[in-house]
Each structure stands twice: as C-alpha cells, then as structure tokens.
Amino acid sequence: MNTTFEKIQYGIVGTLSLAATIFLVTTYFNWYTPSPFISFNIGLLALCLYAIHVIHEHSNRIKEITLVSLIPISITLIVSHYIQMIWKWEAIFTNVTMTKITLAMMMLLTIYGVMAYVRAKISYKKVRGNQRHNKTWRVGRKEADQLMKSDEIYIKLGEYYENNEQ
C-alpha cells in the first residue's frame, strides 16, 4: 500500500532520474553541462532517499536500482564537468571529445557497478534465506535436559549431548 510519503519519494526519484538523464544527454552533446553543485545535489538526494529506502525496508527493486544508479551518475556528471573545464591538450583530443569519452567510460562503469550490486544483493538474500532456517531450532534448558536423558546424539555448534548412563 502506498502512503503519501512513498508517493512523494516516487515523485522525487522520478524527477531526479529525469534530471540526471537530461543532464547526461546535454553533457554528451555539449549543449549544457550542469555545475558540480547541481550534480552533487542530485547524488546527495539520491543517497538520502536510498538510506530512507533501506531503513524502512521497502521491497521495490526498481526504486532501489534507480537510486543506486543515480549516485554514480551524479559522480559521472561532476567528473565530466571538470574534465571539460580543465582539459588543455587540444592537439590530442578536444575537451568535448574527452568529455564524451569520460562520460561513456564512466557510464559503463556505472552499469557494471549496478549489475554487481544487484548480483551481490541476490546472492546475499539466498545465503541469508538459507541461514534463517537454521536459527529456528534452539535448545533451551528443558530441551537440553531431555537430550541428556535420551539415547540420541544431537550436535549443535561443536557441542554434543550424549547419554553416558548405561
């Protein structure tokens, strides 16, 4: 069920995604390069929304992947802005060409990083899911006494209960 707060989050995530996409396109075609302050604010808002997403334990994967990808995209925009401003070797590559190369390479790294994050999250949930079932059986004092009186052998974390009375 979507509450008003979650609807506001979706609106902000959508706006940030649209702004980041527009800034990536305009930077690539050298129409407009956003200032590092704007890119930093996009990344900071995405980081805050991701922290809220994790704290509230929401299960929307698309929102999570979008927020995780917005953070390196903002770093990409910041780096490409500085590359465009400080690149002076015009004989090798122009600053526009170097900005495009930087943008393309960092976007490939971003895609790879997001894919690695998703794979790590999936494998973590599989392992955690397997371990969660092992924690359901615990031995209390009464059960330990019953185990000591029975003829069966039970092993738990290096300890064993065996009936030595014969």
Protein backbone atom coordinates (compact mmCIF):
# COMPACT_ATOMS: atom_id res chain seq x y z
CA MET A 1 0.00 0.00 0.00
CA ASN A 2 1.43 3.37 -1.00
CA THR A 3 1.32 6.05 1.62
CA THR A 4 1.66 9.73 0.91
CA PHE A 5 5.31 9.65 1.94
CA GLU A 6 6.06 6.85 -0.53
CA LYS A 7 4.26 8.74 -3.30
CA ILE A 8 6.41 11.78 -2.57
CA GLN A 9 9.51 9.55 -2.70
CA TYR A 10 8.45 8.15 -6.09
CA GLY A 11 7.90 11.68 -7.37
CA ILE A 12 11.34 12.80 -6.20
CA VAL A 13 13.01 9.67 -7.62
CA GLY A 14 11.28 10.21 -10.95
CA THR A 15 12.27 13.87 -11.05
CA LEU A 16 15.87 13.09 -10.15
CA SER A 17 16.04 10.34 -12.79
CA LEU A 18 14.62 12.63 -15.44
CA ALA A 19 17.01 15.44 -14.49
CA ALA A 20 20.04 13.11 -14.47
CA THR A 21 19.08 11.67 -17.87
CA ILE A 22 18.60 15.13 -19.36
CA PHE A 23 21.93 16.29 -17.91
CA LEU A 24 23.70 13.22 -19.31
CA VAL A 25 22.29 13.84 -22.79
CA THR A 26 23.01 17.58 -22.75
CA THR A 27 26.53 17.00 -21.49
CA TYR A 28 27.19 14.35 -24.14
CA PHE A 29 26.03 16.60 -26.97
CA ASN A 30 27.78 19.63 -25.41
CA TRP A 31 24.59 21.67 -25.16
CA TYR A 32 24.72 22.26 -21.42
CA THR A 33 26.99 20.95 -18.71
CA PRO A 34 25.47 21.20 -15.23
CA SER A 35 27.55 22.67 -12.47
CA PRO A 36 29.08 20.27 -9.96
CA PHE A 37 26.80 21.74 -7.30
CA ILE A 38 23.68 20.60 -9.18
CA SER A 39 25.16 17.16 -9.79
CA PHE A 40 26.21 16.90 -6.16
CA ASN A 41 22.69 17.75 -5.03
CA ILE A 42 21.24 15.05 -7.29
CA GLY A 43 23.64 12.50 -5.79
CA LEU A 44 23.01 13.67 -2.23
CA LEU A 45 19.23 13.49 -2.63
CA ALA A 46 19.55 10.02 -4.18
CA LEU A 47 21.77 8.91 -1.30
CA CYS A 48 19.30 10.23 1.29
CA LEU A 49 16.37 8.54 -0.46
CA TYR A 50 18.35 5.30 -0.65
CA ALA A 51 19.05 5.50 3.09
CA ILE A 52 15.34 6.01 3.74
CA HIS A 53 14.57 3.10 1.43
CA VAL A 54 16.94 0.81 3.35
CA ILE A 55 15.83 1.98 6.80
CA HIS A 56 12.14 1.44 6.04
CA GLU A 57 12.95 -1.90 4.37
CA HIS A 58 10.90 -1.26 1.24
CA SER A 59 10.85 -4.04 -1.31
CA ASN A 60 10.63 -2.07 -4.56
CA ARG A 61 13.63 -3.22 -6.61
CA ILE A 62 13.17 -0.71 -9.43
CA LYS A 63 13.27 2.19 -6.98
CA GLU A 64 16.33 0.74 -5.27
CA ILE A 65 18.22 0.15 -8.53
CA THR A 66 17.30 3.64 -9.73
CA LEU A 67 18.60 5.21 -6.53
CA VAL A 68 21.77 3.12 -6.60
CA SER A 69 22.45 4.15 -10.20
CA LEU A 70 21.75 7.86 -9.59
CA ILE A 71 24.67 8.18 -7.17
CA PRO A 72 27.44 7.19 -9.65
CA ILE A 73 25.64 9.10 -12.41
CA SER A 74 26.00 12.27 -10.37
CA ILE A 75 29.69 11.49 -9.84
CA THR A 76 29.99 10.96 -13.61
CA LEU A 77 28.44 14.37 -14.25
CA ILE A 78 30.81 16.04 -11.79
CA VAL A 79 33.91 14.40 -13.31
CA SER A 80 32.82 15.17 -16.86
CA HIS A 81 32.26 18.82 -15.94
CA TYR A 82 35.76 19.10 -14.52
CA ILE A 83 37.28 17.26 -17.49
CA GLN A 84 35.58 19.69 -19.85
CA MET A 85 36.78 22.69 -17.83
CA ILE A 86 40.43 21.70 -17.32
CA TRP A 87 41.28 19.74 -20.49
CA LYS A 88 44.00 21.68 -22.33
CA TRP A 89 45.58 19.15 -24.72
CA GLU A 90 43.65 20.18 -27.80
CA ALA A 91 46.20 18.55 -30.14
CA ILE A 92 45.30 15.04 -28.99
CA PHE A 93 41.58 15.34 -28.13
CA THR A 94 39.37 18.37 -27.79
CA ASN A 95 37.72 18.94 -24.44
CA VAL A 96 34.33 17.96 -25.91
CA THR A 97 35.72 14.66 -27.22
CA MET A 98 37.42 13.94 -23.91
CA THR A 99 34.19 14.73 -22.09
CA LYS A 100 32.34 12.24 -24.30
CA ILE A 101 34.99 9.58 -23.70
CA THR A 102 34.88 10.16 -19.95
CA LEU A 103 31.11 10.11 -19.93
CA ALA A 104 30.96 6.86 -21.91
CA MET A 105 33.62 5.09 -19.83
CA MET A 106 32.14 6.14 -16.51
CA MET A 107 28.64 5.15 -17.62
CA LEU A 108 29.96 1.69 -18.49
CA LEU A 109 31.50 1.50 -15.01
CA THR A 110 28.19 2.65 -13.52
CA ILE A 111 26.24 -0.04 -15.36
CA TYR A 112 28.78 -2.66 -14.31
CA GLY A 113 28.66 -1.47 -10.69
CA VAL A 114 24.87 -1.55 -10.56
CA MET A 115 24.82 -5.03 -12.06
CA ALA A 116 27.39 -6.17 -9.50
CA TYR A 117 25.27 -4.63 -6.72
CA VAL A 118 22.15 -6.46 -7.91
CA ARG A 119 24.01 -9.78 -8.17
CA ALA A 120 25.53 -9.32 -4.70
CA LYS A 121 22.12 -8.48 -3.25
CA ILE A 122 20.54 -11.57 -4.84
CA SER A 123 23.27 -13.90 -3.59
CA TYR A 124 23.16 -12.32 -0.12
CA LYS A 125 19.43 -12.94 0.11
CA LYS A 126 19.88 -16.56 -0.98
CA VAL A 127 22.54 -17.19 1.66
CA ARG A 128 20.64 -15.28 4.31
CA GLY A 129 17.49 -17.20 3.41
CA ASN A 130 19.30 -20.48 3.94
CA GLN A 131 20.74 -19.36 7.26
CA ARG A 132 17.43 -18.09 8.56
CA HIS A 133 16.05 -21.64 8.62
CA ASN A 134 18.98 -22.87 10.72
CA LYS A 135 18.13 -20.42 13.51
CA THR A 136 14.64 -21.80 14.10
CA TRP A 137 15.79 -24.70 16.30
CA ARG A 138 17.24 -23.62 19.62
CA VAL A 139 17.96 -25.73 22.64
CA GLY A 140 16.62 -24.42 25.94
CA ARG A 141 17.29 -25.76 29.41
CA LYS A 142 14.39 -28.21 29.36
CA GLU A 143 15.30 -29.50 25.90
CA ALA A 144 18.95 -29.90 26.95
CA ASP A 145 17.85 -31.96 29.97
CA GLN A 146 15.62 -34.10 27.75
CA LEU A 147 18.51 -34.56 25.31
CA MET A 148 20.78 -35.65 28.15
CA LYS A 149 18.21 -38.26 29.25
CA SER A 150 17.59 -39.64 25.76
CA ASP A 151 19.70 -42.19 23.85
CA GLU A 152 20.03 -39.99 20.78
CA ILE A 153 23.03 -37.81 19.94
CA TYR A 154 22.48 -34.18 18.92
CA ILE A 155 25.23 -31.83 17.78
CA LYS A 156 24.92 -28.07 17.94
CA LEU A 157 27.81 -25.67 17.22
CA GLY A 158 30.51 -28.03 18.35
CA GLU A 159 28.64 -29.22 21.44
CA TYR A 160 27.09 -32.63 21.66
CA TYR A 161 24.64 -34.23 24.04
CA GLU A 162 25.01 -37.93 24.65
CA ASN A 163 23.56 -40.16 27.27
CA ASN A 164 26.55 -41.66 29.12
CA GLU A 165 24.47 -43.63 31.60
CA GLN A 166 24.37 -47.29 30.55
